[in-house]
Each structure stands twice: as structure tokens, then as C-alpha cells.
Amino acid sequence: MRRTPLTGWGRTAPSAADLVDVDADSVAATLKSDVTVERGALVRGLGRSYGDAAQNGGGLVLRLAGLAADAVIDEARHEVTVGGGVSIDDLLRVIVPRGFFVPVTAGTRFVTIGGAIASDIHGKNHHGDGSFGNHVREMTLLLADGSTTTVSPTVRPELFWATIGGMGLTGIVLEATIHVWPVETSRCIVDTQQAKNLDHILSLMEEGDHRYRYAVAWIDLMAKGRHLGRSILSRGDHARLDQLPARDRASALDYHAGLIVTVPPIVPMSAMNRTTIKVFNELWFRKSPKHRDGELQSIPQYFHPLDMIGEWNRAYGPHGFVQYQILVPFGEEHALRQVIERLAGSGAASFVTVLKRFGAANPAPLSFPAPGWTLTLDIPAGTHGLSAMLHELDHVVLDAGGRHYMAKDSHTTPHAIRRGYPRLAEWQAVRDSVDPDGVWQSDLGRRLGLLG
């Protein structure tokens, strides 16, 4: 055990905790011997939550190990049973060559299975396939009293759905059985199209996303006026074997995911500012085709492009960055426009600005996705007036019936969470029933009033 400073991927709001590496066999004993009720315990995955969700200042943080090689694949049922500490990165290296793909992946593959469940991650296919929790068949949880229990949509369903999106505050996912997609190749076939403004991109996505499994739009947040919301729309699916060139079919399921470059440990100032982002965005938009169909891309290229740059968060400099992700329901597009207009008018320097359409919500009380639009952006934490601007946008989002994604949050308030998640009290009642002494804690849980 060692007292260790921890941050989220945004590198803001550090706190120090007693960090302990455990495995599925030792975690219960460690919890019993080392936890203090005052500050409690939390399990941490790979630290890719952007804010303080995986921190527990002054308390215990457990880092759960797991081996993808131990995963059990049921090829007939299209299911895999895997440890909660295994990363999606490692799991893909095992299952893709066997002809399977995870049902949902975030924009990074460096997420553990337990973290994917705790955050109920969503991807480019939510409009048709829902979020990660929709595809979990059952879980083995370590509870606050050190006991284990198996939960599923039909076995203790209230605890199952409280754990989906529950930010790690109901128990530790020791193991999960998830549905996986059968695939014929490790490539994707992708259609790309430019959209000239916000109305254009919304129309394209509304009219055509249903024809694709995956869809996402990158928005140029520096564009204004008649170009406001100009975008690059990328939609695709897993390539079939007959869609590959003949020379590549023998290696159709080969899977490689490496790095192109790594950002050095010390970046004295942010490389992401208004000037550089404006140039980046202009070049990014101009280099994209106005319309291109049927391009073959690798899985890392299509799903996880930023992962090809090691430690890319360092590019934001020593102050880090804030990722802001919101949901705006369908029918409230005026609020989405208002948010984008305010951000564009402020000159907010966001290179990673992404728009997706969500489909139906699942039964989890704290799951973020619901029918509507989700907008995600990264802004350097040192941006002048950032906090005031984001709180101003919070009101726009909440008044439209929207909400914020807690796995990305580092700035909002308990009031915003109560408004955005009207079933919070229901979740708290389930949590209190399995953790009456408040063993599971986190900086985020305390900051947002999740712990009561």
C-alpha cells in the first residue's frame, strides 16, 4: 500500500489515496483489513474517466488485475466471460482473431470491463444497439461486507441495473458475461461525408443513421455564421470477408493496435489553444473528402484513433483539460444550437468535438444515454471564464430536459445531477441497501452528492 496522487484523464483536481494492487482472489481480504469507513474504498480501472470518478482522496483505491487470456468464449452463444479488471484493449487482442468484437466500445479501448459497466459506456452504435449495460448477461459483484453475489437482469435486477452506470459505488465487478458480435474481418467499411453546417449534419444523421451500425460526426467548433456546426460524418460497419481485396482475405482477422507517437512527459504549455485548434480544425475539415463510400479502415483507425497517440492528454499542458459531455433530447435541437453557438462565439478551443445520436435508454437509473443528441468536447482547463461559461450552458441543457455524463464530469453540481437524473433517489436506496455503512466512496460521489 502506498499513498499515491491520482487524477483522471483530464489531469485536473488531483487527490491522494492509499493505492493497492489486488486480484480477484485477494480483493476481499484487502478490503476487510485496510478500509476505513470514514473515507471508504473504490476500485479504479485504467483511470480514463476524465474527472474524479476513479479517485478517493484520503481513502483506499484498489486496482484490480485481470488476464484476458483467462476469458472464456462461448462461440455458440456469442458470449465471453471475463474478469472485471481486464481491459477492452487486451480483450480485443483475444477475441478479434477468434471472429468476435465487443458490443460497445468508447472512443478509447483503454477501459476495463468493470469500468465499462460502471460508466455504462456508449459508442457510435447507441442509436441501434444501446450502451454497454444492454449487453451484460450477468455479473459477479463483491459487496461492501466482503460477500459476493451474482446479478443479472432477472437475478437481483435492482442491484444489476444500479451497478450499470453506478460509477463503482455499488460493488466491485469481479467478473462479467457479455454478449459479443460475430465479425468476419478485423476491418471496417466506412462512408464519409462533409456537412456544411449544423442543420445539414442533423438532417443527414436523422435521415441516414439507421442504415449503419456505427455513426459519429466531428464538429468544427471554431466555425461560425453560415458555417456554424460544419462537420465530418463518418458511418460504417464491420467489413465482410467478400468486401476485402482478395490478397487480404487470408489475414482477414489479423488484429494489430499500436502507437504512432507518444507525447513526452513534460509539456510546459498547452499545445491546444485557440490559434492551434483553429488551424487544426481547418486542415482536418479540408483534408476530409466531400463524399467517399466504402473505405476500408482497421478497427483502431475507426474506433480508437486517439489511442494511436500515447498519453495524448499531455498535449493540454500542466493544467490539463475539461471534457464536457451533454445529452439534449430529440425535439430540443434549439438548445443544442444554443450550446454550439455559445461555444463557437466564445472561441473555446476544442479539437475533439463529437456529435452522436442516442437510441432508447436502458433501465439503469444512472445510465447517461437516452433518446437525443450527445455532444462531447475537450477544452483546456486554463481557458479564461471556462467555469462560468459551462455553468451557463448547464442551464440550457437542464432546461431542455438534458443531463451530463458523470464519467466525463469535473465541473458540475449536485443540483445539476438531481435535475438530470430524476431517478437518483431510487439508485441511492438500492446502494444503501447493500452498503449501509458507506464503504464505497469516491471524490465524484462526494462532490456530486451521490452518497446522500
Protein backbone atom coordinates (compact mmCIF):
# COMPACT_ATOMS: atom_id res chain seq x y z
CA MET A 1 0.00 0.00 0.00
CA ARG A 2 1.29 3.42 -0.85
CA ARG A 3 -0.19 6.93 -0.65
CA THR A 4 -0.39 7.97 -4.31
CA PRO A 5 -1.61 11.13 -6.04
CA LEU A 6 -4.26 10.31 -8.63
CA THR A 7 -6.08 12.26 -11.32
CA GLY A 8 -8.50 11.48 -14.11
CA TRP A 9 -7.52 11.58 -17.77
CA GLY A 10 -8.13 15.33 -17.82
CA ARG A 11 -5.37 15.74 -15.22
CA THR A 12 -7.36 18.15 -13.06
CA ALA A 13 -8.30 18.01 -9.34
CA PRO A 14 -5.64 15.55 -8.07
CA SER A 15 -6.12 13.78 -4.75
CA ALA A 16 -4.03 11.23 -2.88
CA ALA A 17 -5.20 7.80 -1.76
CA ASP A 18 -3.76 4.52 -0.50
CA LEU A 19 -3.34 2.57 -3.74
CA VAL A 20 -3.30 -1.24 -3.59
CA ASP A 21 -2.96 -3.70 -6.45
CA VAL A 22 -5.23 -6.72 -5.97
CA ASP A 23 -6.63 -9.64 -7.90
CA ALA A 24 -9.99 -11.39 -7.68
CA ASP A 25 -8.66 -13.75 -5.00
CA SER A 26 -7.15 -11.11 -2.69
CA VAL A 27 -9.51 -8.18 -3.04
CA ALA A 28 -11.98 -9.24 -0.32
CA ALA A 29 -9.24 -9.72 2.28
CA THR A 30 -7.64 -6.40 1.38
CA LEU A 31 -10.96 -4.64 1.68
CA LYS A 32 -11.60 -6.16 5.11
CA SER A 33 -8.18 -5.33 6.52
CA ASP A 34 -7.43 -1.92 5.01
CA VAL A 35 -10.64 0.04 4.52
CA THR A 36 -11.68 2.83 6.87
CA VAL A 37 -15.34 3.76 6.85
CA GLU A 38 -14.55 7.46 7.11
CA ARG A 39 -13.14 7.67 3.56
CA GLY A 40 -14.07 4.24 2.28
CA ALA A 41 -12.79 2.36 -0.74
CA LEU A 42 -13.09 2.44 -4.51
CA VAL A 43 -11.90 0.25 -7.34
CA ARG A 44 -10.01 2.01 -10.13
CA GLY A 45 -9.54 0.73 -13.64
CA LEU A 46 -7.20 2.45 -16.10
CA GLY A 47 -8.02 5.98 -15.00
CA ARG A 48 -9.70 7.04 -18.25
CA SER A 49 -12.63 8.78 -16.58
CA TYR A 50 -11.90 12.41 -17.33
CA GLY A 51 -12.69 13.89 -13.93
CA ASP A 52 -12.55 12.49 -10.40
CA ALA A 53 -14.70 9.38 -10.78
CA ALA A 54 -11.78 7.00 -10.14
CA GLN A 55 -10.31 8.93 -7.19
CA ASN A 56 -10.93 8.60 -3.46
CA GLY A 57 -8.85 11.19 -1.66
CA GLY A 58 -7.74 10.09 1.80
CA GLY A 59 -9.22 6.63 1.37
CA LEU A 60 -8.41 3.31 -0.24
CA VAL A 61 -8.19 2.76 -4.01
CA LEU A 62 -7.99 -0.81 -5.28
CA ARG A 63 -6.57 -1.58 -8.70
CA LEU A 64 -7.96 -4.91 -9.88
CA ALA A 65 -5.78 -7.10 -12.10
CA GLY A 66 -7.12 -9.44 -14.73
CA LEU A 67 -5.88 -11.51 -17.66
CA ALA A 68 -7.65 -11.51 -21.00
CA ALA A 69 -6.12 -14.93 -21.65
CA ASP A 70 -8.42 -16.30 -18.94
CA ALA A 71 -11.54 -15.12 -20.77
CA VAL A 72 -13.93 -17.92 -21.70
CA ILE A 73 -15.57 -17.58 -25.11
CA ASP A 74 -18.85 -19.36 -25.80
CA GLU A 75 -18.84 -19.28 -29.59
CA ALA A 76 -22.29 -20.81 -29.92
CA ARG A 77 -23.94 -18.24 -27.63
CA HIS A 78 -21.76 -15.33 -28.78
CA GLU A 79 -20.74 -14.60 -25.20
CA VAL A 80 -17.50 -14.07 -23.33
CA THR A 81 -16.94 -14.33 -19.57
CA VAL A 82 -14.10 -12.08 -18.48
CA GLY A 83 -12.59 -10.56 -15.34
CA GLY A 84 -13.64 -7.06 -14.35
CA GLY A 85 -10.02 -5.86 -14.36
CA VAL A 86 -9.39 -6.87 -17.98
CA SER A 87 -9.14 -4.01 -20.45
CA ILE A 88 -11.09 -3.84 -23.68
CA ASP A 89 -7.69 -3.39 -25.35
CA ASP A 90 -6.49 -6.77 -24.10
CA LEU A 91 -9.83 -8.44 -24.70
CA LEU A 92 -9.90 -7.33 -28.35
CA ARG A 93 -6.47 -8.92 -28.88
CA VAL A 94 -8.02 -12.22 -27.79
CA ILE A 95 -11.48 -12.15 -29.35
CA VAL A 96 -10.97 -10.40 -32.71
CA PRO A 97 -8.73 -13.19 -34.10
CA ARG A 98 -11.48 -15.59 -32.96
CA GLY A 99 -14.05 -13.66 -35.00
CA PHE A 100 -15.74 -11.51 -32.34
CA PHE A 101 -15.95 -7.84 -31.35
CA VAL A 102 -17.15 -6.12 -28.19
CA PRO A 103 -20.80 -4.99 -28.37
CA VAL A 104 -19.95 -1.39 -27.46
CA THR A 105 -16.67 0.47 -27.30
CA ALA A 106 -15.95 4.02 -26.20
CA GLY A 107 -13.54 6.27 -28.07
CA THR A 108 -10.70 4.58 -26.20
CA ARG A 109 -10.04 0.86 -25.81
CA PHE A 110 -8.12 1.52 -22.58
CA VAL A 111 -11.14 0.87 -20.38
CA THR A 112 -11.61 -2.12 -18.10
CA ILE A 113 -14.71 -4.29 -18.27
CA GLY A 114 -15.60 -3.13 -14.76
CA GLY A 115 -15.13 0.49 -15.81
CA ALA A 116 -17.24 -0.01 -18.93
CA ILE A 117 -20.06 -1.31 -16.72
CA ALA A 118 -19.65 1.33 -14.00
CA SER A 119 -19.79 4.13 -16.60
CA ASP A 120 -22.24 2.29 -18.87
CA ILE A 121 -20.10 3.37 -21.79
CA HIS A 122 -21.68 4.15 -25.13
CA GLY A 123 -20.23 4.24 -28.61
CA LYS A 124 -21.03 5.01 -32.21
CA ASN A 125 -23.80 2.40 -32.27
CA HIS A 126 -26.08 3.54 -29.46
CA HIS A 127 -28.79 4.59 -31.92
CA GLY A 128 -29.31 0.91 -32.74
CA ASP A 129 -27.60 -1.19 -30.07
CA GLY A 130 -27.74 0.79 -26.84
CA SER A 131 -24.97 1.09 -24.28
CA PHE A 132 -22.61 -1.46 -22.74
CA GLY A 133 -25.02 -2.44 -19.97
CA ASN A 134 -27.57 -3.63 -22.52
CA HIS A 135 -25.20 -6.45 -23.45
CA VAL A 136 -24.18 -7.65 -19.98
CA ARG A 137 -25.74 -11.04 -19.29
CA GLU A 138 -24.63 -11.36 -15.65
CA MET A 139 -22.02 -10.12 -13.19
CA THR A 140 -20.28 -11.34 -10.07
CA LEU A 141 -20.07 -8.49 -7.56
CA LEU A 142 -18.01 -8.08 -4.41
CA LEU A 143 -20.24 -6.27 -1.95
CA ALA A 144 -19.29 -3.91 0.87
CA ASP A 145 -19.50 -6.65 3.52
CA GLY A 146 -16.97 -8.79 1.62
CA SER A 147 -19.52 -11.25 0.25
CA THR A 148 -20.04 -11.97 -3.43
CA THR A 149 -23.28 -12.20 -5.36
CA THR A 150 -24.33 -12.90 -8.92
CA VAL A 151 -26.69 -10.41 -10.53
CA SER A 152 -28.39 -10.24 -13.90
CA PRO A 153 -31.45 -8.64 -15.48
CA THR A 154 -33.50 -11.40 -13.82
CA VAL A 155 -31.47 -12.13 -10.65
CA ARG A 156 -31.48 -9.21 -8.21
CA PRO A 157 -32.30 -6.91 -11.15
CA GLU A 158 -32.47 -3.78 -9.00
CA LEU A 159 -28.81 -4.24 -7.98
CA PHE A 160 -27.82 -5.23 -11.51
CA TRP A 161 -29.22 -2.01 -13.00
CA ALA A 162 -27.92 0.12 -10.11
CA THR A 163 -24.43 -1.19 -10.90
CA ILE A 164 -24.80 -0.37 -14.61
CA GLY A 165 -23.80 3.30 -14.69
CA GLY A 166 -23.39 3.30 -10.90
CA MET A 167 -19.86 4.72 -11.05
CA GLY A 168 -18.38 1.87 -9.00
CA LEU A 169 -20.38 2.77 -5.90
CA THR A 170 -22.44 -0.42 -5.50
CA GLY A 171 -19.63 -3.01 -5.52
CA ILE A 172 -16.67 -4.37 -7.46
CA VAL A 173 -17.31 -6.22 -10.71
CA LEU A 174 -15.14 -9.31 -10.32
CA GLU A 175 -16.38 -11.00 -13.49
CA ALA A 176 -18.95 -10.38 -16.20
CA THR A 177 -20.51 -12.32 -19.03
CA ILE A 178 -21.18 -10.11 -22.04
CA HIS A 179 -22.63 -10.61 -25.48
CA VAL A 180 -20.15 -10.10 -28.34
CA TRP A 181 -20.65 -9.51 -32.07
CA PRO A 182 -19.51 -12.12 -34.58
CA VAL A 183 -17.33 -10.49 -37.26
CA GLU A 184 -15.78 -11.85 -40.46
CA THR A 185 -12.83 -9.46 -40.54
CA SER A 186 -10.85 -7.02 -38.40
CA ARG A 187 -11.66 -4.17 -40.79
CA CYS A 188 -14.49 -1.68 -41.01
CA ILE A 189 -16.08 -0.34 -44.16
CA VAL A 190 -16.68 3.38 -43.75
CA ASP A 191 -18.61 6.09 -45.59
CA THR A 192 -17.51 9.70 -45.04
CA GLN A 193 -19.38 12.89 -45.87
CA GLN A 194 -18.90 16.59 -45.19
CA ALA A 195 -21.79 18.62 -43.78
CA LYS A 196 -21.77 22.35 -44.44
CA ASN A 197 -23.47 23.44 -41.20
CA LEU A 198 -25.43 22.29 -38.16
CA ASP A 199 -28.78 21.94 -39.95
CA HIS A 200 -27.09 19.83 -42.62
CA ILE A 201 -25.43 17.42 -40.19
CA LEU A 202 -28.59 16.96 -38.10
CA SER A 203 -30.56 16.22 -41.25
CA LEU A 204 -28.01 13.72 -42.55
CA MET A 205 -27.92 11.84 -39.26
CA GLU A 206 -31.69 11.84 -38.78
CA GLU A 207 -32.29 10.54 -42.30
CA GLY A 208 -29.48 8.02 -42.62
CA ASP A 209 -28.01 6.74 -39.35
CA HIS A 210 -30.45 3.83 -39.25
CA ARG A 211 -28.74 2.34 -42.31
CA TYR A 212 -25.45 1.95 -40.43
CA ARG A 213 -24.42 0.16 -37.25
CA TYR A 214 -21.95 2.94 -36.37
CA ALA A 215 -22.24 6.70 -36.86
CA VAL A 216 -20.40 9.72 -35.48
CA ALA A 217 -19.82 13.32 -36.53
CA TRP A 218 -16.82 15.52 -35.80
CA ILE A 219 -17.83 19.19 -35.50
CA ASP A 220 -15.61 22.20 -36.17
CA LEU A 221 -16.38 24.25 -33.07
CA MET A 222 -14.39 27.20 -34.40
CA ALA A 223 -16.72 27.71 -37.39
CA LYS A 224 -19.30 30.50 -37.15
CA GLY A 225 -22.01 32.18 -39.17
CA ARG A 226 -23.31 30.17 -42.11
CA HIS A 227 -20.65 27.53 -41.39
CA LEU A 228 -21.73 27.05 -37.75
CA GLY A 229 -21.58 23.36 -36.93
CA ARG A 230 -19.85 22.26 -40.12
CA SER A 231 -18.96 18.63 -39.68
CA ILE A 232 -17.45 15.44 -40.98
CA LEU A 233 -19.82 12.49 -40.73
CA SER A 234 -18.33 9.01 -40.52
CA ARG A 235 -20.59 5.95 -40.67
CA GLY A 236 -19.82 2.30 -41.13
CA ASP A 237 -19.99 -1.35 -40.14
CA HIS A 238 -17.72 -4.35 -39.84
CA ALA A 239 -16.44 -5.37 -43.25
CA ARG A 240 -17.49 -8.74 -44.60
CA LEU A 241 -14.88 -11.10 -45.98
CA ASP A 242 -16.06 -10.55 -49.55
CA GLN A 243 -15.51 -6.80 -49.15
CA LEU A 244 -11.76 -7.24 -48.64
CA PRO A 245 -9.29 -7.38 -51.55
CA ALA A 246 -8.51 -10.99 -52.39
CA ARG A 247 -4.91 -10.58 -51.22
CA ASP A 248 -6.07 -9.65 -47.68
CA ARG A 249 -8.61 -12.40 -47.09
CA ALA A 250 -6.16 -14.92 -45.69
CA SER A 251 -5.31 -12.47 -42.90
CA ALA A 252 -8.84 -11.11 -42.52
CA LEU A 253 -8.93 -11.46 -38.71
CA ASP A 254 -5.40 -10.26 -38.01
CA TYR A 255 -5.55 -7.54 -35.37
CA HIS A 256 -2.83 -5.02 -34.55
CA ALA A 257 -3.16 -1.96 -32.31
CA GLY A 258 -0.02 0.06 -31.73
CA LEU A 259 1.20 3.61 -31.20
CA ILE A 260 2.35 6.10 -33.80
CA VAL A 261 3.91 8.51 -31.30
CA THR A 262 3.86 9.28 -27.57
CA VAL A 263 3.55 12.79 -26.12
CA PRO A 264 6.53 13.44 -23.79
CA PRO A 265 6.01 13.53 -20.00
CA ILE A 266 6.59 17.26 -19.64
CA VAL A 267 4.76 19.70 -21.90
CA PRO A 268 5.42 23.18 -20.45
CA MET A 269 2.34 24.77 -22.02
CA SER A 270 -0.80 23.63 -23.78
CA ALA A 271 -0.42 22.81 -27.46
CA MET A 272 -4.21 23.10 -27.63
CA ASN A 273 -5.13 26.77 -27.79
CA ARG A 274 -7.40 28.92 -29.91
CA THR A 275 -4.80 29.51 -32.62
CA THR A 276 -3.59 25.93 -32.98
CA ILE A 277 -7.09 24.45 -32.82
CA LYS A 278 -8.35 26.82 -35.49
CA VAL A 279 -5.54 25.68 -37.78
CA PHE A 280 -6.05 22.00 -36.88
CA ASN A 281 -9.79 22.21 -37.49
CA GLU A 282 -9.37 23.92 -40.85
CA LEU A 283 -6.84 21.34 -42.02
CA TRP A 284 -8.92 18.45 -40.65
CA PHE A 285 -12.03 19.63 -42.47
CA ARG A 286 -10.26 20.35 -45.75
CA LYS A 287 -8.43 17.03 -45.84
CA SER A 288 -11.64 15.05 -45.49
CA PRO A 289 -13.46 14.00 -48.68
CA LYS A 290 -16.72 15.74 -49.51
CA HIS A 291 -18.15 12.28 -50.03
CA ARG A 292 -16.45 8.89 -50.02
CA ASP A 293 -18.03 5.46 -49.76
CA GLY A 294 -16.61 2.07 -48.94
CA GLU A 295 -13.22 2.94 -47.43
CA LEU A 296 -11.63 0.09 -45.52
CA GLN A 297 -10.23 1.04 -42.12
CA SER A 298 -8.74 -1.01 -39.30
CA ILE A 299 -10.59 -1.34 -36.00
CA PRO A 300 -8.13 1.00 -34.19
CA GLN A 301 -8.29 3.52 -37.04
CA TYR A 302 -12.08 3.74 -36.99
CA PHE A 303 -12.93 3.25 -33.33
CA HIS A 304 -9.87 4.44 -31.39
CA PRO A 305 -7.87 6.96 -33.45
CA LEU A 306 -6.62 8.93 -30.44
CA ASP A 307 -5.24 5.76 -28.87
CA MET A 308 -2.60 5.76 -31.59
CA ILE A 309 -1.07 8.77 -29.78
CA GLY A 310 0.32 7.63 -26.44
CA GLU A 311 -0.50 9.88 -23.45
CA TRP A 312 -2.25 12.38 -25.73
CA ASN A 313 -3.75 14.14 -22.71
CA ARG A 314 -0.31 15.64 -22.00
CA ALA A 315 -0.72 17.87 -25.07
CA TYR A 316 -3.02 20.06 -22.98
CA GLY A 317 -0.12 21.07 -20.77
CA PRO A 318 0.25 21.06 -16.98
CA HIS A 319 -3.23 22.42 -16.27
CA GLY A 320 -4.97 19.60 -18.13
CA PHE A 321 -8.36 19.85 -19.77
CA VAL A 322 -12.07 19.55 -19.10
CA GLN A 323 -14.22 17.22 -21.14
CA TYR A 324 -17.83 18.32 -21.25
CA GLN A 325 -20.45 15.85 -22.47
CA ILE A 326 -24.15 16.59 -22.57
CA LEU A 327 -27.38 14.98 -23.72
CA VAL A 328 -30.10 17.06 -25.39
CA PRO A 329 -33.40 15.22 -26.05
CA PHE A 330 -34.88 14.97 -29.52
CA GLY A 331 -37.21 17.89 -30.16
CA GLU A 332 -34.90 20.26 -28.23
CA GLU A 333 -32.45 20.92 -31.07
CA HIS A 334 -32.75 24.65 -30.36
CA ALA A 335 -30.87 24.00 -27.11
CA LEU A 336 -28.16 22.08 -28.96
CA ARG A 337 -27.81 25.01 -31.36
CA GLN A 338 -27.65 27.45 -28.48
CA VAL A 339 -24.84 25.47 -26.84
CA ILE A 340 -22.83 25.28 -30.08
CA GLU A 341 -23.39 28.98 -30.84
CA ARG A 342 -22.23 29.94 -27.34
CA LEU A 343 -19.13 27.77 -27.59
CA ALA A 344 -18.25 28.96 -31.08
CA GLY A 345 -18.76 32.58 -30.07
CA SER A 346 -16.51 32.15 -27.05
CA GLY A 347 -13.63 30.86 -29.16
CA ALA A 348 -13.44 27.75 -26.97
CA ALA A 349 -10.52 25.69 -28.24
CA SER A 350 -11.88 22.18 -28.73
CA PHE A 351 -10.38 19.86 -31.31
CA VAL A 352 -12.20 16.73 -30.15
CA THR A 353 -15.83 17.79 -30.62
CA VAL A 354 -18.14 14.87 -31.34
CA LEU A 355 -21.86 14.57 -32.04
CA LYS A 356 -23.81 11.29 -31.89
CA ARG A 357 -27.44 10.20 -31.83
CA PHE A 358 -28.71 8.11 -28.93
CA GLY A 359 -31.43 5.50 -29.13
CA ALA A 360 -33.59 4.10 -26.35
CA ALA A 361 -32.45 4.25 -22.72
CA ASN A 362 -31.93 1.11 -20.65
CA PRO A 363 -33.46 0.58 -17.15
CA ALA A 364 -30.38 1.77 -15.20
CA PRO A 365 -31.26 4.81 -13.03
CA LEU A 366 -27.89 6.49 -13.56
CA SER A 367 -27.24 5.49 -17.16
CA PHE A 368 -26.43 8.58 -19.20
CA PRO A 369 -27.82 7.78 -22.68
CA ALA A 370 -31.45 8.47 -23.59
CA PRO A 371 -33.09 9.35 -26.90
CA GLY A 372 -31.47 12.51 -28.18
CA TRP A 373 -28.22 14.11 -29.24
CA THR A 374 -24.97 13.90 -27.31
CA LEU A 375 -22.25 16.49 -27.77
CA THR A 376 -18.74 15.99 -26.38
CA LEU A 377 -15.88 18.50 -26.32
CA ASP A 378 -12.45 18.97 -24.76
CA ILE A 379 -11.38 22.41 -23.55
CA PRO A 380 -8.06 23.37 -21.91
CA ALA A 381 -8.68 23.79 -18.19
CA GLY A 382 -6.91 27.15 -18.13
CA THR A 383 -9.36 28.75 -20.58
CA HIS A 384 -10.45 32.16 -19.29
CA GLY A 385 -14.02 32.16 -17.98
CA LEU A 386 -14.46 28.42 -18.61
CA SER A 387 -16.30 27.56 -15.40
CA ALA A 388 -18.83 30.38 -15.75
CA MET A 389 -19.48 29.52 -19.38
CA LEU A 390 -20.04 25.83 -18.67
CA HIS A 391 -22.43 26.56 -15.82
CA GLU A 392 -24.32 28.86 -18.19
CA LEU A 393 -24.56 26.00 -20.67
CA ASP A 394 -25.67 23.67 -17.88
CA HIS A 395 -28.85 25.71 -17.51
CA VAL A 396 -29.57 25.46 -21.22
CA VAL A 397 -29.10 21.69 -21.16
CA LEU A 398 -31.12 21.08 -18.00
CA ASP A 399 -33.96 23.37 -19.05
CA ALA A 400 -34.22 21.29 -22.23
CA GLY A 401 -34.55 18.08 -20.18
CA GLY A 402 -30.94 17.01 -20.74
CA ARG A 403 -28.14 15.85 -18.49
CA HIS A 404 -24.37 15.47 -18.08
CA TYR A 405 -22.23 12.34 -18.34
CA MET A 406 -20.70 11.71 -14.92
CA ALA A 407 -17.81 9.64 -16.29
CA LYS A 408 -16.63 12.79 -18.08
CA ASP A 409 -17.62 15.38 -15.48
CA SER A 410 -15.23 17.51 -13.47
CA HIS A 411 -17.20 20.71 -13.02
CA THR A 412 -20.94 20.37 -12.47
CA THR A 413 -23.00 20.39 -9.27
CA PRO A 414 -25.26 18.15 -7.15
CA HIS A 415 -28.22 20.27 -8.22
CA ALA A 416 -27.47 19.60 -11.89
CA ILE A 417 -27.22 15.86 -11.25
CA ARG A 418 -30.51 15.78 -9.34
CA ARG A 419 -32.26 17.58 -12.20
CA GLY A 420 -30.63 15.50 -14.91
CA TYR A 421 -31.12 12.15 -13.17
CA PRO A 422 -34.61 12.16 -11.64
CA ARG A 423 -34.22 8.52 -10.51
CA LEU A 424 -31.22 9.33 -8.31
CA ALA A 425 -33.13 8.63 -5.07
CA GLU A 426 -34.14 5.21 -6.42
CA TRP A 427 -30.47 4.41 -7.08
CA GLN A 428 -29.45 5.67 -3.64
CA ALA A 429 -31.99 3.39 -1.98
CA VAL A 430 -30.51 0.34 -3.71
CA ARG A 431 -26.98 1.43 -2.87
CA ASP A 432 -27.88 1.98 0.79
CA SER A 433 -29.45 -1.47 0.99
CA VAL A 434 -26.19 -3.20 0.00
CA ASP A 435 -23.77 -0.69 1.56
CA PRO A 436 -25.43 0.78 4.69
CA ASP A 437 -22.09 1.85 6.18
CA GLY A 438 -20.93 3.74 3.07
CA VAL A 439 -17.87 1.63 2.30
CA TRP A 440 -17.83 2.52 -1.41
CA GLN A 441 -16.84 6.14 -1.86
CA SER A 442 -15.23 8.41 -4.43
CA ASP A 443 -14.30 12.04 -4.92
CA LEU A 444 -17.02 12.28 -7.58
CA GLY A 445 -19.60 10.65 -5.31
CA ARG A 446 -18.92 13.19 -2.57
CA ARG A 447 -18.69 16.18 -4.94
CA LEU A 448 -21.98 15.42 -6.72
CA GLY A 449 -23.93 14.33 -3.66
CA LEU A 450 -24.41 10.76 -4.85
CA LEU A 451 -23.65 9.34 -1.42
CA GLY A 452 -26.59 11.03 0.27
